[in-house]
Amino acid sequence: MAAERGRRRFVRRLRDPIDEWWPRGWALLLGLFLLWFAGTFVLAPKIQDAAAASVQQTLTDAGFEVLEVDASGQRVDVRLDAVGNPTRAREQAIAIARGSLCDSWAGALICPTRVQVSLSEAPPPAAPPAVDRVPVAVPRSHDFTVQRDGPRLSVSGEVADDETRLWLLASVRRAYPEAELSESLTVSGEQAGAAYRTAASAALAVLAAFERGSARWLDGRLFVRGLVRSDGEAAVREQLASFDRKALRPDLDYRVAKPFDRCAEAFRSALATSTINFETGSATIAADSQALLDALAELAAQCPGDLVVEGHTDSVGSDASNLTLSQNRAASVRDALVTRAVNARRVTAEGFGEAQPLASNETPEGRAANRRIVVRLADRIQPDRK
């Protein structure tokens, strides 16, 4: 009977519905998840922020300039401005940062377990904002040279612009309508000084009284050099007086040319008392004639106009060979004068051979007189040419 009752109770237990486990199990999992989420995304950031703030405040109170603090768990990375000894600063900062305290449920505790300190130089001060400035053109001299050699004129140097170049060339043409003009002007595109046109006008006006010479505008000053016509010295001073001398600051260095007739006579006299000698049968000038060539070059520097060097021979030899020899000897004398600073454009050389004898070629004395070099002023130069 009792056994039957026990069997029935066992059968009832097997047949009773079994309580499900999942509501209580999922609740447990959900609770764990919420604890993890709160710790990771709520409590941990607050703890890290508190640790970073505490480390920063501790270092700041100790006199360090903190540039950046980054906390990750209980590790804190600090970047400081390097002041003084960088190594010592880093070691001190680590020691001080490790002692930083944070509030917790257990009271004030040391926040970081690891501290990493790096040093960085403070960025340089920001440059002041750029101010746009309009560039100011600074005038400069614009040097030029006007060179005159009788009827020949050359203009070289700088001009500010094409308009100034055209003005200068037009001024030259007005002042010297018949001149053989050569021009070498460079346009700079920059502003010229206020005295530029005054200097150019003065240069052209003053050179009108010169036989040969130059007027050079250099670094804001007018330099005048050369040979003034025999009647032109007063004109030079009058022309300069008509311009602003303070603006030009003229520097004059010139000689007054001898009158044409006096120069012509000086050349004749020099060669009447001395002779330019050559090596026999050649165009090589003998050494004993160098002093005479020096004297002729000095006369050329003092006299107006162009020069003609004529070569003549005696009748010994053929006409053709004598003509060639006379031409070569005249050219040798011309070259010798050019090496003594006589402008090559002033001197021409001609050979006449035996065509223009001074004496009979029948005697040694006559032949010696016929072998000669003549240096004279060119016939086209007139005594009072303006």
Protein backbone atom coordinates (compact mmCIF):
# COMPACT_ATOMS: atom_id res chain seq x y z
CA MET A 1 0.00 0.00 0.00
CA ALA A 2 2.74 2.35 0.99
CA ALA A 3 4.74 1.30 -2.05
CA GLU A 4 1.86 2.12 -4.28
CA ARG A 5 1.53 5.59 -2.83
CA GLY A 6 5.25 6.28 -3.39
CA ARG A 7 5.06 5.12 -6.98
CA ARG A 8 2.09 7.41 -7.63
CA ARG A 9 3.89 10.45 -6.16
CA PHE A 10 6.97 9.75 -8.39
CA VAL A 11 4.77 9.47 -11.46
CA ARG A 12 3.06 12.77 -10.60
CA ARG A 13 6.46 14.54 -10.29
CA LEU A 14 7.51 13.30 -13.72
CA ARG A 15 4.26 14.46 -15.17
CA ASP A 16 4.36 17.95 -13.48
CA PRO A 17 5.53 20.79 -15.83
CA ILE A 18 9.25 21.71 -15.38
CA ASP A 19 9.96 25.40 -14.56
CA GLU A 20 11.81 27.20 -17.55
CA TRP A 21 15.42 28.55 -16.73
CA TRP A 22 15.75 31.30 -19.40
CA PRO A 23 13.97 34.24 -17.73
CA ARG A 24 16.29 34.14 -14.77
CA GLY A 25 19.39 33.35 -16.93
CA TRP A 26 18.87 36.19 -19.40
CA ALA A 27 18.25 38.58 -16.55
CA LEU A 28 21.61 37.67 -15.15
CA LEU A 29 23.32 38.18 -18.53
CA LEU A 30 21.57 41.48 -19.05
CA GLY A 31 22.71 42.67 -15.66
CA LEU A 32 26.29 41.73 -16.42
CA PHE A 33 26.09 43.54 -19.77
CA LEU A 34 24.74 46.67 -18.11
CA LEU A 35 27.50 46.58 -15.55
CA TRP A 36 30.10 46.25 -18.36
CA PHE A 37 28.55 49.05 -20.38
CA ALA A 38 28.37 51.40 -17.41
CA GLY A 39 31.92 50.63 -16.42
CA THR A 40 33.33 50.99 -19.90
CA PHE A 41 31.39 53.95 -21.24
CA VAL A 42 30.39 55.84 -18.12
CA LEU A 43 32.67 55.16 -15.18
CA ALA A 44 35.96 54.54 -17.04
CA PRO A 45 35.92 57.86 -19.01
CA LYS A 46 35.12 59.71 -15.80
CA ILE A 47 37.98 57.97 -14.02
CA GLN A 48 40.35 58.69 -16.93
CA ASP A 49 39.28 62.34 -17.14
CA ALA A 50 39.72 62.67 -13.39
CA ALA A 51 43.20 61.10 -13.61
CA ALA A 52 44.20 63.41 -16.48
CA ALA A 53 42.87 66.47 -14.68
CA SER A 54 44.61 65.50 -11.46
CA VAL A 55 47.97 64.91 -13.20
CA GLN A 56 47.69 68.17 -15.11
CA GLN A 57 46.81 70.13 -11.98
CA THR A 58 49.62 68.51 -10.00
CA LEU A 59 52.24 69.31 -12.65
CA THR A 60 50.90 72.84 -13.15
CA ASP A 61 51.11 73.48 -9.40
CA ALA A 62 54.72 72.26 -9.56
CA GLY A 63 55.59 74.91 -12.17
CA PHE A 64 55.49 72.83 -15.34
CA GLU A 65 53.88 74.09 -18.53
CA VAL A 66 51.62 71.23 -19.59
CA LEU A 67 50.85 71.16 -23.31
CA GLU A 68 48.74 67.98 -23.43
CA VAL A 69 47.53 65.15 -21.11
CA ASP A 70 45.99 61.89 -22.36
CA ALA A 71 44.77 59.16 -19.97
CA SER A 72 44.08 55.56 -20.96
CA GLY A 73 43.04 53.42 -18.02
CA GLN A 74 45.62 54.08 -15.35
CA ARG A 75 48.29 55.10 -17.88
CA VAL A 76 48.77 58.80 -18.38
CA ASP A 77 50.76 60.34 -21.27
CA VAL A 78 51.94 63.91 -20.70
CA ARG A 79 53.57 66.34 -23.15
CA LEU A 80 55.44 69.23 -21.56
CA ASP A 81 57.15 72.37 -22.80
CA ALA A 82 60.92 71.79 -22.56
CA VAL A 83 62.38 74.33 -20.15
CA GLY A 84 65.93 74.28 -18.82
CA ASN A 85 67.52 70.83 -18.79
CA PRO A 86 65.12 68.58 -20.76
CA THR A 87 66.27 65.32 -19.14
CA ARG A 88 65.94 66.68 -15.63
CA ALA A 89 62.56 68.19 -16.43
CA ARG A 90 61.27 64.85 -17.70
CA GLU A 91 62.46 62.89 -14.66
CA GLN A 92 60.99 65.41 -12.24
CA ALA A 93 57.67 65.47 -14.10
CA ILE A 94 57.34 61.67 -13.99
CA ALA A 95 58.02 61.59 -10.24
CA ILE A 96 55.53 64.34 -9.52
CA ALA A 97 52.83 62.95 -11.82
CA ARG A 98 53.00 59.52 -10.19
CA GLY A 99 51.95 61.10 -6.90
CA SER A 100 48.71 62.56 -8.27
CA LEU A 101 45.60 61.72 -6.18
CA CYS A 102 42.04 61.05 -7.33
CA ASP A 103 38.83 60.73 -5.30
CA SER A 104 37.33 57.21 -5.13
CA TRP A 105 34.84 55.22 -3.03
CA ALA A 106 37.79 54.30 -0.85
CA GLY A 107 38.96 57.90 -0.47
CA ALA A 108 41.82 59.74 -2.19
CA LEU A 109 44.04 57.27 -4.02
CA ILE A 110 47.00 57.59 -6.41
CA CYS A 111 45.51 57.82 -9.91
CA PRO A 112 48.12 56.65 -12.42
CA THR A 113 50.12 53.49 -12.22
CA ARG A 114 52.23 54.43 -15.28
CA VAL A 115 53.27 57.89 -16.45
CA GLN A 116 54.92 58.66 -19.80
CA VAL A 117 56.32 62.19 -20.26
CA SER A 118 57.50 63.66 -23.57
CA LEU A 119 59.00 67.08 -24.09
CA SER A 120 58.18 69.49 -26.86
CA GLU A 121 59.49 72.95 -27.54
CA ALA A 122 56.81 75.57 -27.40
CA PRO A 123 55.73 76.74 -30.85
CA PRO A 124 57.31 80.00 -31.96
CA PRO A 125 55.22 83.12 -31.53
CA ALA A 126 52.90 83.75 -34.41
CA ALA A 127 54.22 86.19 -36.96
CA PRO A 128 52.37 89.46 -37.16
CA PRO A 129 49.83 89.53 -39.95
CA ALA A 130 51.28 90.57 -43.26
CA VAL A 131 50.43 94.07 -44.33
CA ASP A 132 50.07 94.67 -48.03
CA ARG A 133 52.32 97.50 -49.06
CA VAL A 134 52.45 99.10 -52.45
CA PRO A 135 56.08 99.01 -53.63
CA VAL A 136 57.53 102.47 -54.02
CA ALA A 137 59.71 103.01 -57.08
CA VAL A 138 63.05 104.53 -56.12
CA PRO A 139 64.49 106.73 -58.88
CA ARG A 140 68.09 106.06 -59.84
CA SER A 141 70.66 107.87 -61.93
CA HIS A 142 70.39 106.05 -65.31
CA ASP A 143 73.92 106.80 -66.51
CA PHE A 144 74.57 107.80 -70.12
CA THR A 145 77.40 109.12 -72.29
CA VAL A 146 77.31 111.47 -75.27
CA GLN A 147 80.56 111.28 -77.25
CA ARG A 148 81.54 113.75 -79.99
CA ASP A 149 84.36 113.43 -82.45
CA GLY A 150 84.02 116.16 -85.06
CA PRO A 151 80.97 115.33 -87.19
CA ARG A 152 80.50 111.98 -85.46
CA LEU A 153 78.28 111.58 -82.41
CA SER A 154 77.46 108.55 -80.29
CA VAL A 155 74.91 108.16 -77.50
CA SER A 156 75.00 105.21 -75.09
CA GLY A 157 73.73 104.24 -71.66
CA GLU A 158 70.30 103.84 -70.06
CA VAL A 159 66.92 105.43 -70.46
CA ALA A 160 63.87 104.85 -68.28
CA ASP A 161 61.39 104.07 -71.06
CA ASP A 162 60.80 104.23 -74.80
CA GLU A 163 59.33 107.70 -74.55
CA THR A 164 62.56 109.04 -72.98
CA ARG A 165 64.63 107.25 -75.62
CA LEU A 166 62.69 108.88 -78.45
CA TRP A 167 62.93 112.27 -76.73
CA LEU A 168 66.72 111.95 -76.34
CA LEU A 169 67.30 110.91 -79.96
CA ALA A 170 65.07 113.73 -81.19
CA SER A 171 67.06 116.19 -79.07
CA VAL A 172 70.30 114.92 -80.60
CA ARG A 173 68.94 115.37 -84.10
CA ARG A 174 67.83 118.92 -83.37
CA ALA A 175 71.19 119.87 -81.88
CA TYR A 176 73.29 118.07 -84.50
CA PRO A 177 71.20 117.68 -87.68
CA GLU A 178 74.17 116.67 -89.86
CA ALA A 179 75.96 114.42 -87.36
CA GLU A 180 76.90 110.83 -88.09
CA LEU A 181 74.91 109.35 -85.22
CA SER A 182 75.40 105.97 -83.56
CA GLU A 183 73.13 104.96 -80.70
CA SER A 184 73.29 102.24 -78.05
CA LEU A 185 70.60 102.89 -75.45
CA THR A 186 69.06 100.36 -73.07
CA VAL A 187 65.51 100.79 -71.76
CA SER A 188 65.46 99.88 -68.05
CA GLY A 189 61.74 100.19 -67.34
CA GLU A 190 62.60 101.88 -64.02
CA GLN A 191 62.10 105.43 -62.87
CA ALA A 192 64.93 107.86 -63.60
CA GLY A 193 66.00 110.72 -61.38
CA ALA A 194 64.44 114.14 -61.79
CA ALA A 195 67.66 115.60 -63.20
CA TYR A 196 67.98 113.07 -66.05
CA ARG A 197 66.50 115.21 -68.83
CA THR A 198 68.25 118.31 -67.54
CA ALA A 199 71.57 116.45 -67.68
CA ALA A 200 70.90 115.16 -71.21
CA SER A 201 69.99 118.64 -72.47
CA ALA A 202 73.08 120.13 -70.84
CA ALA A 203 75.34 117.44 -72.31
CA LEU A 204 74.11 118.12 -75.85
CA ALA A 205 74.35 121.89 -75.44
CA VAL A 206 77.88 121.88 -73.98
CA LEU A 207 79.32 119.48 -76.57
CA ALA A 208 78.32 121.89 -79.35
CA ALA A 209 81.41 123.92 -78.40
CA PHE A 210 83.71 120.87 -78.43
CA GLU A 211 85.81 119.61 -81.29
CA ARG A 212 86.12 116.25 -79.56
CA GLY A 213 84.91 115.18 -76.16
CA SER A 214 82.35 113.48 -74.00
CA ALA A 215 79.66 114.44 -71.54
CA ARG A 216 78.91 111.63 -69.11
CA TRP A 217 76.07 111.49 -66.58
CA LEU A 218 77.33 109.21 -63.81
CA ASP A 219 75.76 108.69 -60.38
CA GLY A 220 73.94 112.02 -60.52
CA ARG A 221 76.88 114.11 -61.73
CA LEU A 222 77.83 115.48 -65.16
CA PHE A 223 81.45 114.92 -66.23
CA VAL A 224 82.64 116.86 -69.29
CA ARG A 225 85.97 116.00 -70.93
CA GLY A 226 87.63 116.80 -74.25
CA LEU A 227 88.97 119.43 -76.63
CA VAL A 228 87.06 122.69 -76.97
CA ARG A 229 87.19 124.68 -80.19
CA SER A 230 89.55 127.64 -80.05
CA ASP A 231 86.57 129.99 -79.90
CA GLY A 232 84.34 127.78 -77.73
CA GLU A 233 85.57 128.10 -74.15
CA ALA A 234 83.21 130.97 -73.29
CA ALA A 235 80.30 129.09 -74.88
CA VAL A 236 80.93 126.07 -72.63
CA ARG A 237 80.68 128.14 -69.48
CA GLU A 238 77.65 130.04 -70.73
CA GLN A 239 75.81 126.84 -71.53
CA LEU A 240 76.49 125.33 -68.12
CA ALA A 241 75.45 128.56 -66.41
CA SER A 242 72.05 128.32 -68.10
CA PHE A 243 71.30 125.02 -66.29
CA ASP A 244 70.84 124.23 -62.62
CA ARG A 245 74.41 123.62 -61.47
CA LYS A 246 73.25 122.13 -58.18
CA ALA A 247 71.32 119.47 -60.06
CA LEU A 248 74.20 118.73 -62.45
CA ARG A 249 77.23 119.24 -60.18
CA PRO A 250 79.39 119.58 -63.33
CA ASP A 251 82.99 118.41 -63.38
CA LEU A 252 84.93 120.09 -66.25
CA ASP A 253 88.27 118.98 -67.64
CA TYR A 254 89.06 120.22 -71.15
CA ARG A 255 91.74 121.79 -73.31
CA VAL A 256 91.25 124.55 -75.83
CA ALA A 257 92.14 123.54 -79.37
CA LYS A 258 94.68 125.48 -81.34
CA PRO A 259 93.27 127.36 -84.35
CA PHE A 260 93.25 125.38 -87.57
CA ASP A 261 96.03 127.34 -89.24
CA ARG A 262 98.25 127.08 -86.19
CA CYS A 263 97.72 123.32 -86.04
CA ALA A 264 98.47 122.92 -89.75
CA GLU A 265 101.70 124.86 -89.32
CA ALA A 266 102.62 122.83 -86.22
CA PHE A 267 102.41 119.55 -88.16
CA ARG A 268 104.44 121.00 -91.03
CA SER A 269 107.12 122.29 -88.66
CA ALA A 270 107.38 119.00 -86.77
CA LEU A 271 108.02 117.03 -89.95
CA ALA A 272 110.25 119.72 -91.52
CA THR A 273 112.85 119.34 -88.79
CA SER A 274 112.53 115.57 -88.26
CA THR A 275 111.77 112.57 -90.43
CA ILE A 276 109.97 109.32 -89.71
CA ASN A 277 112.49 106.68 -90.73
CA PHE A 278 111.91 103.04 -91.65
CA GLU A 279 113.99 99.93 -91.94
CA THR A 280 115.40 99.70 -95.47
CA GLY A 281 112.83 98.43 -97.97
CA SER A 282 110.19 97.77 -95.28
CA ALA A 283 107.31 99.42 -93.42
CA THR A 284 108.87 98.88 -89.97
CA ILE A 285 109.38 102.21 -88.22
CA ALA A 286 112.92 102.77 -86.97
CA ALA A 287 113.46 103.10 -83.22
CA ASP A 288 114.89 106.63 -83.56
CA SER A 289 111.47 107.89 -84.79
CA GLN A 290 109.46 107.02 -81.66
CA ALA A 291 109.95 110.47 -80.08
CA LEU A 292 108.66 112.17 -83.22
CA LEU A 293 105.56 109.96 -83.21
CA ASP A 294 104.93 110.95 -79.57
CA ALA A 295 105.09 114.64 -80.55
CA LEU A 296 102.69 114.11 -83.47
CA ALA A 297 100.20 112.29 -81.20
CA GLU A 298 100.34 115.21 -78.74
CA LEU A 299 99.63 117.66 -81.56
CA ALA A 300 96.70 115.51 -82.69
CA ALA A 301 95.24 115.72 -79.18
CA GLN A 302 95.39 119.53 -79.27
CA CYS A 303 94.11 120.08 -82.80
CA PRO A 304 90.67 119.86 -84.40
CA GLY A 305 89.54 117.66 -87.24
CA ASP A 306 90.73 114.51 -88.94
CA LEU A 307 94.26 113.63 -89.95
CA VAL A 308 95.71 112.25 -93.16
CA VAL A 309 98.94 110.27 -93.17
CA GLU A 310 100.60 110.29 -96.62
CA GLY A 311 103.38 107.95 -97.72
CA HIS A 312 105.84 108.85 -100.53
CA THR A 313 108.86 107.05 -102.04
CA ASP A 314 111.67 107.77 -104.47
CA SER A 315 111.79 106.28 -107.95
CA VAL A 316 114.03 103.31 -107.16
CA GLY A 317 112.07 100.15 -107.99
CA SER A 318 108.89 99.60 -109.95
CA ASP A 319 105.89 101.88 -109.71
CA ALA A 320 103.74 99.10 -108.27
CA SER A 321 106.23 98.13 -105.57
CA ASN A 322 106.80 101.78 -104.61
CA LEU A 323 103.03 102.37 -104.36
CA THR A 324 102.60 99.32 -102.12
CA LEU A 325 105.56 100.33 -99.93
CA SER A 326 104.23 103.88 -99.52
CA GLN A 327 100.79 102.58 -98.55
CA ASN A 328 102.24 100.16 -96.00
CA ARG A 329 104.46 102.83 -94.45
CA ALA A 330 101.55 105.26 -94.15
CA ALA A 331 99.47 102.52 -92.48
CA SER A 332 102.30 101.82 -90.01
CA VAL A 333 102.38 105.48 -88.96
CA ARG A 334 98.61 105.55 -88.64
CA ASP A 335 98.73 102.48 -86.38
CA ALA A 336 101.48 104.06 -84.30
CA LEU A 337 99.35 107.17 -83.71
CA VAL A 338 96.32 105.06 -82.78
CA THR A 339 98.38 103.21 -80.16
CA ARG A 340 99.17 106.65 -78.73
CA ALA A 341 95.46 107.33 -78.04
CA VAL A 342 94.58 109.07 -81.31
CA ASN A 343 91.07 108.00 -82.29
CA ALA A 344 91.35 105.55 -85.17
CA ARG A 345 88.34 107.13 -86.87
CA ARG A 346 90.22 110.42 -87.11
CA VAL A 347 93.16 109.05 -89.06
CA THR A 348 93.32 107.79 -92.64
CA ALA A 349 96.39 106.54 -94.50
CA GLU A 350 97.18 107.04 -98.20
CA GLY A 351 100.12 105.93 -100.34
CA PHE A 352 101.30 107.84 -103.44
CA GLY A 353 104.46 105.92 -104.34
CA GLU A 354 106.82 108.02 -106.45
CA ALA A 355 104.04 110.13 -108.01
CA GLN A 356 104.60 113.34 -105.97
CA PRO A 357 108.38 113.98 -105.73
CA LEU A 358 109.74 117.07 -103.97
CA ALA A 359 113.14 116.89 -105.67
CA SER A 360 114.96 115.15 -108.47
CA ASN A 361 115.43 111.45 -108.10
CA GLU A 362 118.76 111.74 -109.94
CA THR A 363 120.70 112.57 -106.77
CA PRO A 364 120.95 110.84 -103.39
CA GLU A 365 119.85 114.06 -101.68
CA GLY A 366 116.79 114.34 -103.91
CA ARG A 367 115.82 110.72 -103.41
CA ALA A 368 116.14 111.15 -99.61
CA ALA A 369 113.83 114.17 -99.73
CA ASN A 370 111.27 112.22 -101.76
CA ARG A 371 111.16 109.35 -99.25
CA ARG A 372 108.90 110.96 -96.69
CA ILE A 373 105.80 110.74 -94.48
CA VAL A 374 103.40 113.70 -94.31
CA VAL A 375 100.86 114.11 -91.47
CA ARG A 376 98.36 116.89 -92.07
CA LEU A 377 94.88 118.03 -91.16
CA ALA A 378 92.21 116.86 -93.55
CA ASP A 379 91.34 119.47 -96.17
CA ARG A 380 87.62 119.33 -95.37
CA ILE A 381 88.21 120.86 -91.92
CA GLN A 382 87.89 124.62 -92.11
CA PRO A 383 89.40 127.05 -89.55
CA ASP A 384 86.23 128.39 -87.94
CA ARG A 385 83.85 125.49 -88.46
CA LYS A 386 80.95 125.63 -86.01
